[in-house]
């Protein structure tokens, strides 16, 4: 019996790329593992799992539906993320893939993984802090770790980030805004 959404020519439980097909009840987990390899096109060190934008995975007959929530309404990266999700699943043998964006509930930085926040800092972007949305100062510089910083603009390289400068090392940096 073919698993929903899967097609392979091997006649066994193996997908292209040697990913083993689990029993039906494990199919969602297999999809989740594949999604953990899809990166954010604007911040390539983060996966969509790190970002917390995958809201649900549904197995519908012979198809797979992935529900995602944008970090911002109108986020320009969402079309690319949806395409990358489809490509990752197609590459592993899933053929009937649908990606559905949902706006409610609105995404929040609380959905980001702690690992994702660590990756942001290592990449040079200050991770969100639940205490404030756009602080005027005191955001820790990801370069020198000084809290002697100031906001330059409430919008950085993308709408989901604000631009700061460290008063000690003088380096500008993005801060991933809380929301």
C-alpha atoms as a PDB file:
ATOM      1  CA  UNK A   1       0.000   0.000   0.000  1.00  0.00           C
ATOM      2  CA  UNK A   2       1.394   3.396  -0.966  1.00  0.00           C
ATOM      3  CA  UNK A   3       1.773   5.951   1.769  1.00  0.00           C
ATOM      4  CA  UNK A   4      -0.258   9.153   1.233  1.00  0.00           C
ATOM      5  CA  UNK A   5       1.565  11.696  -0.885  1.00  0.00           C
ATOM      6  CA  UNK A   6       4.497   9.386  -1.585  1.00  0.00           C
ATOM      7  CA  UNK A   7       5.581   7.825  -4.812  1.00  0.00           C
ATOM      8  CA  UNK A   8       8.723   5.811  -5.338  1.00  0.00           C
ATOM      9  CA  UNK A   9       9.717   3.224  -7.844  1.00  0.00           C
ATOM     10  CA  UNK A  10      11.522   1.005  -5.386  1.00  0.00           C
ATOM     11  CA  UNK A  11       8.439  -0.849  -4.182  1.00  0.00           C
ATOM     12  CA  UNK A  12       9.693  -0.658  -0.618  1.00  0.00           C
ATOM     13  CA  UNK A  13       9.639   1.788   2.264  1.00  0.00           C
ATOM     14  CA  UNK A  14      12.508   3.936   1.066  1.00  0.00           C
ATOM     15  CA  UNK A  15      12.305   7.402  -0.423  1.00  0.00           C
ATOM     16  CA  UNK A  16      14.870   9.000  -2.707  1.00  0.00           C
ATOM     17  CA  UNK A  17      17.867  10.101  -0.670  1.00  0.00           C
ATOM     18  CA  UNK A  18      17.549   6.928   1.465  1.00  0.00           C
ATOM     19  CA  UNK A  19      14.973   8.421   3.858  1.00  0.00           C
ATOM     20  CA  UNK A  20      13.019   5.498   5.268  1.00  0.00           C
ATOM     21  CA  UNK A  21       9.246   5.842   5.052  1.00  0.00           C
ATOM     22  CA  UNK A  22       7.721   5.310   8.474  1.00  0.00           C
ATOM     23  CA  UNK A  23       4.324   3.744   9.043  1.00  0.00           C
ATOM     24  CA  UNK A  24       1.443   6.131   8.371  1.00  0.00           C
ATOM     25  CA  UNK A  25       1.370   7.361  11.976  1.00  0.00           C
ATOM     26  CA  UNK A  26       5.015   8.446  11.627  1.00  0.00           C
ATOM     27  CA  UNK A  27       4.526  10.263   8.335  1.00  0.00           C
ATOM     28  CA  UNK A  28       3.967  13.639  10.007  1.00  0.00           C
ATOM     29  CA  UNK A  29       7.266  13.240  11.864  1.00  0.00           C
ATOM     30  CA  UNK A  30       9.063  12.406   8.611  1.00  0.00           C
ATOM     31  CA  UNK A  31       7.643  15.572   7.049  1.00  0.00           C
ATOM     32  CA  UNK A  32       8.669  17.567  10.129  1.00  0.00           C
ATOM     33  CA  UNK A  33      12.246  16.250   9.838  1.00  0.00           C
ATOM     34  CA  UNK A  34      12.384  17.327   6.204  1.00  0.00           C
ATOM     35  CA  UNK A  35      11.029  20.775   7.106  1.00  0.00           C
ATOM     36  CA  UNK A  36      13.800  21.148   9.681  1.00  0.00           C
ATOM     37  CA  UNK A  37      16.223  21.378   6.747  1.00  0.00           C
ATOM     38  CA  UNK A  38      14.424  24.283   5.027  1.00  0.00           C
ATOM     39  CA  UNK A  39      16.173  27.583   5.749  1.00  0.00           C
ATOM     40  CA  UNK A  40      14.882  31.134   5.925  1.00  0.00           C
ATOM     41  CA  UNK A  41      15.970  32.914   2.713  1.00  0.00           C
ATOM     42  CA  UNK A  42      16.594  36.185   4.579  1.00  0.00           C
ATOM     43  CA  UNK A  43      18.513  34.617   7.486  1.00  0.00           C
ATOM     44  CA  UNK A  44      20.034  31.432   6.052  1.00  0.00           C
ATOM     45  CA  UNK A  45      21.422  30.212   9.385  1.00  0.00           C
ATOM     46  CA  UNK A  46      17.847  29.726  10.633  1.00  0.00           C
ATOM     47  CA  UNK A  47      15.502  26.954   9.605  1.00  0.00           C
ATOM     48  CA  UNK A  48      11.775  27.433   9.428  1.00  0.00           C
ATOM     49  CA  UNK A  49      11.652  25.160  12.491  1.00  0.00           C
ATOM     50  CA  UNK A  50      13.987  27.557  14.350  1.00  0.00           C
ATOM     51  CA  UNK A  51      11.687  30.409  13.334  1.00  0.00           C
ATOM     52  CA  UNK A  52       8.585  28.586  14.561  1.00  0.00           C
ATOM     53  CA  UNK A  53       6.571  29.392  11.445  1.00  0.00           C
ATOM     54  CA  UNK A  54       5.389  25.806  10.797  1.00  0.00           C
ATOM     55  CA  UNK A  55       2.005  25.657  12.521  1.00  0.00           C
ATOM     56  CA  UNK A  56       0.751  22.256  11.407  1.00  0.00           C
ATOM     57  CA  UNK A  57       1.302  19.319   9.077  1.00  0.00           C
ATOM     58  CA  UNK A  58      -1.797  17.603   7.704  1.00  0.00           C
ATOM     59  CA  UNK A  59      -1.945  14.325   5.825  1.00  0.00           C
ATOM     60  CA  UNK A  60      -4.930  14.528   3.456  1.00  0.00           C
ATOM     61  CA  UNK A  61      -5.546  11.318   1.528  1.00  0.00           C
ATOM     62  CA  UNK A  62      -2.672  11.226  -0.948  1.00  0.00           C
ATOM     63  CA  UNK A  63      -1.341  14.689  -0.071  1.00  0.00           C
ATOM     64  CA  UNK A  64       0.584  16.626   2.518  1.00  0.00           C
ATOM     65  CA  UNK A  65      -0.426  20.115   3.606  1.00  0.00           C
ATOM     66  CA  UNK A  66       1.998  22.323   5.527  1.00  0.00           C
ATOM     67  CA  UNK A  67       0.456  25.247   7.410  1.00  0.00           C
ATOM     68  CA  UNK A  68       2.803  28.209   7.916  1.00  0.00           C
ATOM     69  CA  UNK A  69       2.469  31.613   9.573  1.00  0.00           C
ATOM     70  CA  UNK A  70       4.549  34.567   8.343  1.00  0.00           C
ATOM     71  CA  UNK A  71       6.662  36.503  10.809  1.00  0.00           C
ATOM     72  CA  UNK A  72       5.017  39.626   9.380  1.00  0.00           C
ATOM     73  CA  UNK A  73       1.874  40.001   7.297  1.00  0.00           C
ATOM     74  CA  UNK A  74       3.135  40.573   3.782  1.00  0.00           C
ATOM     75  CA  UNK A  75       6.600  39.146   4.515  1.00  0.00           C
ATOM     76  CA  UNK A  76       8.269  38.931   1.093  1.00  0.00           C
ATOM     77  CA  UNK A  77      10.157  35.768   2.064  1.00  0.00           C
ATOM     78  CA  UNK A  78       6.998  33.665   2.464  1.00  0.00           C
ATOM     79  CA  UNK A  79       6.660  32.859  -1.248  1.00  0.00           C
ATOM     80  CA  UNK A  80      10.268  31.638  -1.315  1.00  0.00           C
ATOM     81  CA  UNK A  81       9.756  29.666   1.910  1.00  0.00           C
ATOM     82  CA  UNK A  82       6.632  28.005   0.463  1.00  0.00           C
ATOM     83  CA  UNK A  83       8.566  27.099  -2.706  1.00  0.00           C
ATOM     84  CA  UNK A  84      11.474  25.716  -0.677  1.00  0.00           C
ATOM     85  CA  UNK A  85       9.074  23.604   1.417  1.00  0.00           C
ATOM     86  CA  UNK A  86       7.550  22.146  -1.748  1.00  0.00           C
ATOM     87  CA  UNK A  87      10.967  21.480  -3.286  1.00  0.00           C
ATOM     88  CA  UNK A  88      12.296  19.789  -0.122  1.00  0.00           C
ATOM     89  CA  UNK A  89       9.275  17.493   0.068  1.00  0.00           C
ATOM     90  CA  UNK A  90       9.277  16.774  -3.675  1.00  0.00           C
ATOM     91  CA  UNK A  91      12.966  15.878  -3.466  1.00  0.00           C
ATOM     92  CA  UNK A  92      12.105  13.257  -0.825  1.00  0.00           C
ATOM     93  CA  UNK A  93       9.324  11.717  -2.916  1.00  0.00           C
ATOM     94  CA  UNK A  94       6.213  13.606  -1.826  1.00  0.00           C
ATOM     95  CA  UNK A  95       4.260  14.639  -4.930  1.00  0.00           C
ATOM     96  CA  UNK A  96       1.007  16.174  -3.731  1.00  0.00           C
ATOM     97  CA  UNK A  97       2.227  19.032  -1.540  1.00  0.00           C
ATOM     98  CA  UNK A  98       0.245  22.095  -0.527  1.00  0.00           C
ATOM     99  CA  UNK A  99       1.561  24.997   1.556  1.00  0.00           C
ATOM    100  CA  UNK A 100      -1.092  27.123   3.236  1.00  0.00           C
ATOM    101  CA  UNK A 101      -0.279  30.424   4.914  1.00  0.00           C
ATOM    102  CA  UNK A 102      -2.413  31.438   7.903  1.00  0.00           C
ATOM    103  CA  UNK A 103      -2.358  34.827   9.600  1.00  0.00           C
ATOM    104  CA  UNK A 104      -4.159  33.960  12.821  1.00  0.00           C
ATOM    105  CA  UNK A 105      -2.937  33.556  15.395  1.00  0.00           C
ATOM    106  CA  UNK A 106      -0.265  36.082  14.507  1.00  0.00           C
ATOM    107  CA  UNK A 107       3.316  34.828  14.704  1.00  0.00           C
ATOM    108  CA  UNK A 108       5.242  35.767  17.805  1.00  0.00           C
ATOM    109  CA  UNK A 109       8.935  35.613  18.620  1.00  0.00           C
ATOM    110  CA  UNK A 110       7.888  33.324  21.478  1.00  0.00           C
ATOM    111  CA  UNK A 111       7.576  30.617  18.799  1.00  0.00           C
ATOM    112  CA  UNK A 112      11.294  30.847  17.965  1.00  0.00           C
ATOM    113  CA  UNK A 113      13.451  28.067  19.344  1.00  0.00           C
ATOM    114  CA  UNK A 114      16.200  28.846  21.838  1.00  0.00           C
ATOM    115  CA  UNK A 115      18.619  27.264  19.351  1.00  0.00           C
ATOM    116  CA  UNK A 116      17.342  29.687  16.718  1.00  0.00           C
ATOM    117  CA  UNK A 117      18.005  32.636  19.029  1.00  0.00           C
ATOM    118  CA  UNK A 118      21.554  31.378  19.602  1.00  0.00           C
ATOM    119  CA  UNK A 119      22.045  31.024  15.847  1.00  0.00           C
ATOM    120  CA  UNK A 120      20.837  34.609  15.341  1.00  0.00           C
ATOM    121  CA  UNK A 121      23.384  35.971  17.780  1.00  0.00           C
ATOM    122  CA  UNK A 122      26.214  33.944  16.241  1.00  0.00           C
ATOM    123  CA  UNK A 123      25.169  35.328  12.843  1.00  0.00           C
ATOM    124  CA  UNK A 124      25.396  38.900  14.148  1.00  0.00           C
ATOM    125  CA  UNK A 125      21.716  39.655  14.764  1.00  0.00           C
ATOM    126  CA  UNK A 126      20.535  40.433  18.289  1.00  0.00           C
ATOM    127  CA  UNK A 127      17.849  37.948  19.291  1.00  0.00           C
ATOM    128  CA  UNK A 128      14.446  39.187  20.466  1.00  0.00           C
ATOM    129  CA  UNK A 129      13.951  39.893  24.147  1.00  0.00           C
ATOM    130  CA  UNK A 130      10.448  39.384  25.561  1.00  0.00           C
ATOM    131  CA  UNK A 131      10.788  42.429  27.792  1.00  0.00           C
ATOM    132  CA  UNK A 132      10.432  44.905  24.949  1.00  0.00           C
ATOM    133  CA  UNK A 133       9.474  45.213  21.312  1.00  0.00           C
ATOM    134  CA  UNK A 134      11.845  47.929  20.107  1.00  0.00           C
ATOM    135  CA  UNK A 135      14.001  49.152  22.964  1.00  0.00           C
ATOM    136  CA  UNK A 136      15.627  52.540  22.551  1.00  0.00           C
ATOM    137  CA  UNK A 137      18.892  51.265  24.039  1.00  0.00           C
ATOM    138  CA  UNK A 138      20.342  48.370  25.981  1.00  0.00           C
ATOM    139  CA  UNK A 139      20.121  45.665  23.313  1.00  0.00           C
ATOM    140  CA  UNK A 140      23.216  43.505  23.658  1.00  0.00           C
ATOM    141  CA  UNK A 141      25.607  43.918  20.750  1.00  0.00           C
ATOM    142  CA  UNK A 142      26.123  40.518  19.073  1.00  0.00           C
ATOM    143  CA  UNK A 143      29.716  41.534  18.204  1.00  0.00           C
ATOM    144  CA  UNK A 144      31.202  42.692  21.532  1.00  0.00           C
ATOM    145  CA  UNK A 145      28.286  41.907  23.928  1.00  0.00           C
ATOM    146  CA  UNK A 146      28.083  45.478  25.225  1.00  0.00           C
ATOM    147  CA  UNK A 147      24.665  46.773  26.294  1.00  0.00           C
ATOM    148  CA  UNK A 148      25.801  50.313  25.424  1.00  0.00           C
ATOM    149  CA  UNK A 149      23.786  50.454  22.206  1.00  0.00           C
ATOM    150  CA  UNK A 150      21.286  52.752  20.534  1.00  0.00           C
ATOM    151  CA  UNK A 151      18.510  52.389  17.993  1.00  0.00           C
ATOM    152  CA  UNK A 152      19.264  53.968  14.616  1.00  0.00           C
ATOM    153  CA  UNK A 153      16.058  52.964  12.839  1.00  0.00           C
ATOM    154  CA  UNK A 154      12.987  50.966  13.787  1.00  0.00           C
ATOM    155  CA  UNK A 155      13.392  49.191  10.451  1.00  0.00           C
ATOM    156  CA  UNK A 156      16.556  47.320   9.554  1.00  0.00           C
ATOM    157  CA  UNK A 157      17.491  45.205   6.558  1.00  0.00           C
ATOM    158  CA  UNK A 158      13.984  43.687   6.612  1.00  0.00           C
ATOM    159  CA  UNK A 159      10.704  44.740   8.234  1.00  0.00           C
ATOM    160  CA  UNK A 160      11.124  42.181  11.021  1.00  0.00           C
ATOM    161  CA  UNK A 161      14.359  43.777  12.228  1.00  0.00           C
ATOM    162  CA  UNK A 162      15.402  47.130  13.693  1.00  0.00           C
ATOM    163  CA  UNK A 163      18.824  48.717  13.119  1.00  0.00           C
ATOM    164  CA  UNK A 164      21.075  49.427  16.102  1.00  0.00           C
ATOM    165  CA  UNK A 165      24.617  50.606  16.658  1.00  0.00           C
ATOM    166  CA  UNK A 166      26.977  49.692  19.451  1.00  0.00           C
ATOM    167  CA  UNK A 167      28.441  52.786  21.136  1.00  0.00           C
ATOM    168  CA  UNK A 168      31.503  50.788  22.235  1.00  0.00           C
ATOM    169  CA  UNK A 169      32.644  48.863  19.142  1.00  0.00           C
ATOM    170  CA  UNK A 170      30.734  51.234  16.781  1.00  0.00           C
ATOM    171  CA  UNK A 171      29.400  48.313  14.727  1.00  0.00           C
ATOM    172  CA  UNK A 172      25.845  48.492  13.371  1.00  0.00           C
ATOM    173  CA  UNK A 173      23.681  45.407  13.836  1.00  0.00           C
ATOM    174  CA  UNK A 174      20.133  44.197  13.318  1.00  0.00           C
ATOM    175  CA  UNK A 175      17.826  43.375  16.205  1.00  0.00           C
ATOM    176  CA  UNK A 176      15.102  40.826  15.505  1.00  0.00           C
ATOM    177  CA  UNK A 177      11.983  42.602  16.795  1.00  0.00           C
ATOM    178  CA  UNK A 178       9.619  41.037  19.298  1.00  0.00           C
ATOM    179  CA  UNK A 179       6.007  40.649  18.295  1.00  0.00           C
END
